[in-house]
Amino acid sequence: MATTITIAQQKGGAGKTTLALHLAVAWSRTLRVAAVDIDPQGSLIRWDKLREGRPWPRIMALGGWRIAAEVERLARDHDVVLIDSPPHAETEAKLAVRAASLVVVPLQPSIMDLWATEATLQLAKEERRPAVIVLNRVPPRSRAAELVVERAAEFGVPILQHRVGNRAPLQASLLSGQGITEYAPSSPAAQEISAVADALLAHAAKRS
């Protein structure tokens, strides 16, 4: 049975979909990955058109009450099922969290993102799903990031040690239809994504 990971954040613009895409590609180096797009913006589906027929990750759109059944079906044929959920506490977001074996909450180093994270973690708690916070789009030498980590620690939820920096190649690679681990595999950005990808799977395995 696959590990099902939902990327969730009630604040828009937190880099949720960008993180999801890079993680899906990183895992696809060695695993069969299905990336499920239930965000009405459909960014994963649009990006998949730039992939020029690359088989992995397998990307598809889902919505409505069939989410749970389809995710369960995908879990039988894949190693990882990654769900990119919509912002806000919509029905689809709740279903995505409910389907997860681990909820990943990207957190940018800002107070508004911190407030939104609290609401997202509350949703995971209501659905009785384990969650982990990932620092995302972190500027170099960011004092704000350390302050946010101190405040986020009060939520009582694990904060991943590895972080994703605010690096231009992450966006450049997506414009070319690639994940950063394909586009610039030796870059610091690729190393960060790979470290986060490995750590999340290890974290999910401990929770199973």
Protein backbone atom coordinates (compact mmCIF):
# COMPACT_ATOMS: atom_id res chain seq x y z
CA MET A 1 0.00 0.00 0.00
CA ALA A 2 1.28 3.43 -0.94
CA THR A 3 2.24 6.26 1.36
CA THR A 4 -0.38 8.97 0.84
CA ILE A 5 0.85 12.50 1.50
CA THR A 6 -1.36 15.58 1.32
CA ILE A 7 0.19 19.03 0.92
CA ALA A 8 -2.15 21.40 2.75
CA GLN A 9 -2.08 25.08 3.63
CA GLN A 10 -5.12 27.30 4.05
CA LYS A 11 -3.22 30.41 2.98
CA GLY A 12 -2.84 30.86 -0.77
CA GLY A 13 0.57 31.72 -2.17
CA ALA A 14 2.50 29.57 0.29
CA GLY A 15 4.31 27.64 -2.43
CA LYS A 16 2.20 24.54 -1.86
CA THR A 17 1.90 23.44 -5.48
CA THR A 18 5.53 24.24 -6.31
CA LEU A 19 6.66 22.11 -3.40
CA ALA A 20 4.30 19.31 -4.42
CA LEU A 21 5.66 19.22 -7.97
CA HIS A 22 9.29 19.14 -6.93
CA LEU A 23 8.66 16.43 -4.35
CA ALA A 24 6.73 14.31 -6.84
CA VAL A 25 9.57 14.46 -9.35
CA ALA A 26 12.20 13.75 -6.69
CA TRP A 27 10.36 10.66 -5.47
CA SER A 28 9.83 9.51 -9.06
CA ARG A 29 13.53 8.82 -9.45
CA THR A 30 13.08 5.54 -7.60
CA LEU A 31 9.34 5.18 -6.87
CA ARG A 32 6.02 5.01 -8.70
CA VAL A 33 4.37 8.31 -7.87
CA ALA A 34 0.84 9.56 -8.54
CA ALA A 35 0.28 13.28 -8.02
CA VAL A 36 -3.37 14.17 -7.57
CA ASP A 37 -4.56 17.70 -8.33
CA ILE A 38 -7.77 18.66 -6.51
CA ASP A 39 -7.07 22.41 -6.51
CA PRO A 40 -9.57 24.18 -8.81
CA GLN A 41 -6.68 26.16 -10.34
CA GLY A 42 -5.43 22.91 -11.87
CA SER A 43 -1.78 23.94 -11.80
CA LEU A 44 -0.44 20.37 -11.67
CA ILE A 45 -2.45 19.40 -14.74
CA ARG A 46 -1.32 22.45 -16.70
CA TRP A 47 2.31 21.80 -15.77
CA ASP A 48 2.02 18.17 -16.82
CA LYS A 49 1.45 19.36 -20.39
CA LEU A 50 5.01 20.73 -20.34
CA ARG A 51 6.41 17.33 -19.41
CA GLU A 52 6.48 16.08 -23.03
CA GLY A 53 5.36 12.56 -22.26
CA ARG A 54 7.56 11.78 -19.27
CA PRO A 55 5.82 8.84 -17.57
CA TRP A 56 6.50 9.78 -13.93
CA PRO A 57 5.11 11.24 -11.85
CA ARG A 58 1.65 10.31 -13.06
CA ILE A 59 -0.52 13.42 -12.69
CA MET A 60 -4.31 13.51 -12.67
CA ALA A 61 -7.19 15.71 -11.54
CA LEU A 62 -9.82 14.62 -9.04
CA GLY A 63 -12.68 16.30 -7.26
CA GLY A 64 -15.82 15.76 -5.24
CA TRP A 65 -16.70 12.73 -3.18
CA ARG A 66 -14.82 10.32 -5.44
CA ILE A 67 -11.50 11.56 -4.02
CA ALA A 68 -11.30 8.94 -1.27
CA ALA A 69 -12.16 6.01 -3.53
CA GLU A 70 -9.78 7.12 -6.30
CA VAL A 71 -6.90 7.73 -3.90
CA GLU A 72 -7.44 4.28 -2.39
CA ARG A 73 -7.35 2.78 -5.89
CA LEU A 74 -4.16 4.64 -6.79
CA ALA A 75 -2.54 3.48 -3.56
CA ARG A 76 -2.74 -0.13 -4.77
CA ASP A 77 -0.62 0.57 -7.86
CA HIS A 78 1.80 3.23 -6.66
CA ASP A 79 4.43 3.69 -3.98
CA VAL A 80 3.50 7.30 -3.19
CA VAL A 81 0.24 9.16 -3.75
CA LEU A 82 0.73 12.90 -3.38
CA ILE A 83 -2.34 15.15 -3.09
CA ASP A 84 -2.19 18.88 -3.81
CA SER A 85 -5.16 20.27 -1.89
CA PRO A 86 -6.93 23.60 -2.42
CA PRO A 87 -6.53 26.46 0.06
CA HIS A 88 -9.26 27.25 2.58
CA ALA A 89 -11.36 24.74 4.49
CA GLU A 90 -13.38 23.53 1.52
CA THR A 91 -14.90 20.06 1.33
CA GLU A 92 -12.15 18.90 -1.06
CA ALA A 93 -9.45 20.08 1.34
CA LYS A 94 -11.03 18.12 4.18
CA LEU A 95 -11.29 15.01 2.02
CA ALA A 96 -7.66 15.36 0.97
CA VAL A 97 -6.53 15.57 4.58
CA ARG A 98 -8.75 12.65 5.53
CA ALA A 99 -7.18 10.48 2.80
CA ALA A 100 -3.62 11.18 3.94
CA SER A 101 -1.30 9.06 6.00
CA LEU A 102 0.73 12.27 6.51
CA VAL A 103 -0.23 15.93 6.09
CA VAL A 104 2.63 18.20 5.01
CA VAL A 105 2.12 21.88 5.81
CA PRO A 106 4.47 24.29 4.02
CA LEU A 107 5.23 27.36 6.11
CA GLN A 108 6.79 30.55 4.76
CA PRO A 109 8.61 32.73 7.32
CA SER A 110 5.85 35.29 7.86
CA ILE A 111 3.32 35.94 10.60
CA MET A 112 0.35 35.61 8.22
CA ASP A 113 1.54 32.20 7.08
CA LEU A 114 1.98 31.23 10.71
CA TRP A 115 -1.65 32.13 11.45
CA ALA A 116 -2.86 30.14 8.45
CA THR A 117 -0.76 27.18 9.52
CA GLU A 118 -2.53 27.03 12.85
CA ALA A 119 -5.88 26.65 11.06
CA THR A 120 -4.46 23.98 8.75
CA LEU A 121 -3.09 22.00 11.66
CA GLN A 122 -6.45 22.23 13.37
CA LEU A 123 -8.02 20.64 10.29
CA ALA A 124 -5.52 17.78 10.44
CA LYS A 125 -6.26 17.35 14.13
CA GLU A 126 -10.01 17.23 13.48
CA GLU A 127 -9.44 14.52 10.86
CA ARG A 128 -7.04 12.69 13.20
CA ARG A 129 -4.16 12.77 10.75
CA PRO A 130 -0.49 13.29 11.66
CA ALA A 131 1.06 16.48 10.33
CA VAL A 132 4.53 17.90 9.83
CA ILE A 133 5.60 21.48 9.06
CA VAL A 134 8.10 22.21 6.28
CA LEU A 135 9.79 25.62 6.15
CA ASN A 136 9.38 26.81 2.56
CA ARG A 137 10.74 29.71 0.50
CA VAL A 138 13.19 30.59 3.25
CA PRO A 139 15.45 33.57 2.40
CA PRO A 140 19.17 33.17 3.15
CA ARG A 141 20.21 34.25 6.64
CA SER A 142 16.59 34.81 7.61
CA ARG A 143 16.06 35.91 11.20
CA ALA A 144 12.33 35.84 10.49
CA ALA A 145 12.53 32.11 9.79
CA GLU A 146 14.02 31.43 13.21
CA LEU A 147 11.35 33.53 14.91
CA VAL A 148 8.61 31.68 13.00
CA VAL A 149 10.11 28.33 14.01
CA GLU A 150 10.05 29.39 17.65
CA ARG A 151 6.38 30.31 17.39
CA ALA A 152 5.48 27.24 15.30
CA ALA A 153 7.02 24.98 17.94
CA GLU A 154 4.15 26.03 20.22
CA PHE A 155 1.74 24.11 17.96
CA GLY A 156 3.20 20.84 19.23
CA VAL A 157 3.64 19.48 15.70
CA PRO A 158 6.99 18.24 14.29
CA ILE A 159 8.94 20.76 12.21
CA LEU A 160 11.13 19.14 9.59
CA GLN A 161 14.80 19.91 10.10
CA HIS A 162 15.40 20.27 6.36
CA ARG A 163 14.15 23.44 4.66
CA VAL A 164 13.49 24.69 1.14
CA GLY A 165 15.16 27.98 0.29
CA ASN A 166 13.77 30.79 -1.82
CA ARG A 167 15.79 29.85 -4.91
CA ALA A 168 15.21 31.03 -8.48
CA PRO A 169 16.03 27.64 -10.11
CA LEU A 170 12.94 26.12 -8.48
CA GLN A 171 10.74 28.27 -10.69
CA ALA A 172 13.02 28.09 -13.75
CA SER A 173 12.88 24.31 -13.74
CA LEU A 174 9.08 24.25 -13.68
CA LEU A 175 8.96 26.60 -16.67
CA SER A 176 10.94 23.98 -18.57
CA GLY A 177 8.57 21.18 -17.54
CA GLN A 178 11.04 19.66 -15.11
CA GLY A 179 11.50 19.25 -11.41
CA ILE A 180 14.64 20.73 -9.89
CA THR A 181 16.18 17.26 -9.44
CA GLU A 182 15.97 16.84 -13.24
CA TYR A 183 16.81 20.41 -14.23
CA ALA A 184 19.84 20.98 -12.00
CA PRO A 185 20.46 17.79 -10.00
CA SER A 186 23.67 19.04 -8.37
CA SER A 187 22.32 22.44 -7.36
CA PRO A 188 21.69 23.50 -3.74
CA ALA A 189 17.98 23.72 -4.58
CA ALA A 190 17.93 20.09 -5.75
CA GLN A 191 19.84 18.99 -2.67
CA GLU A 192 17.30 20.72 -0.43
CA ILE A 193 14.32 19.17 -2.21
CA SER A 194 15.94 15.72 -2.11
CA ALA A 195 16.64 16.06 1.61
CA VAL A 196 13.04 17.12 2.31
CA ALA A 197 11.68 14.31 0.12
CA ASP A 198 13.73 11.66 1.93
CA ALA A 199 12.91 13.05 5.35
CA LEU A 200 9.17 13.12 4.66
CA LEU A 201 9.09 9.49 3.56
CA ALA A 202 11.06 8.52 6.66
CA HIS A 203 8.67 10.52 8.81
CA ALA A 204 5.64 8.89 7.17
CA ALA A 205 7.14 5.43 7.71
CA LYS A 206 7.50 6.11 11.43
CA ARG A 207 3.86 7.13 11.64
CA SER A 208 2.55 4.04 9.84
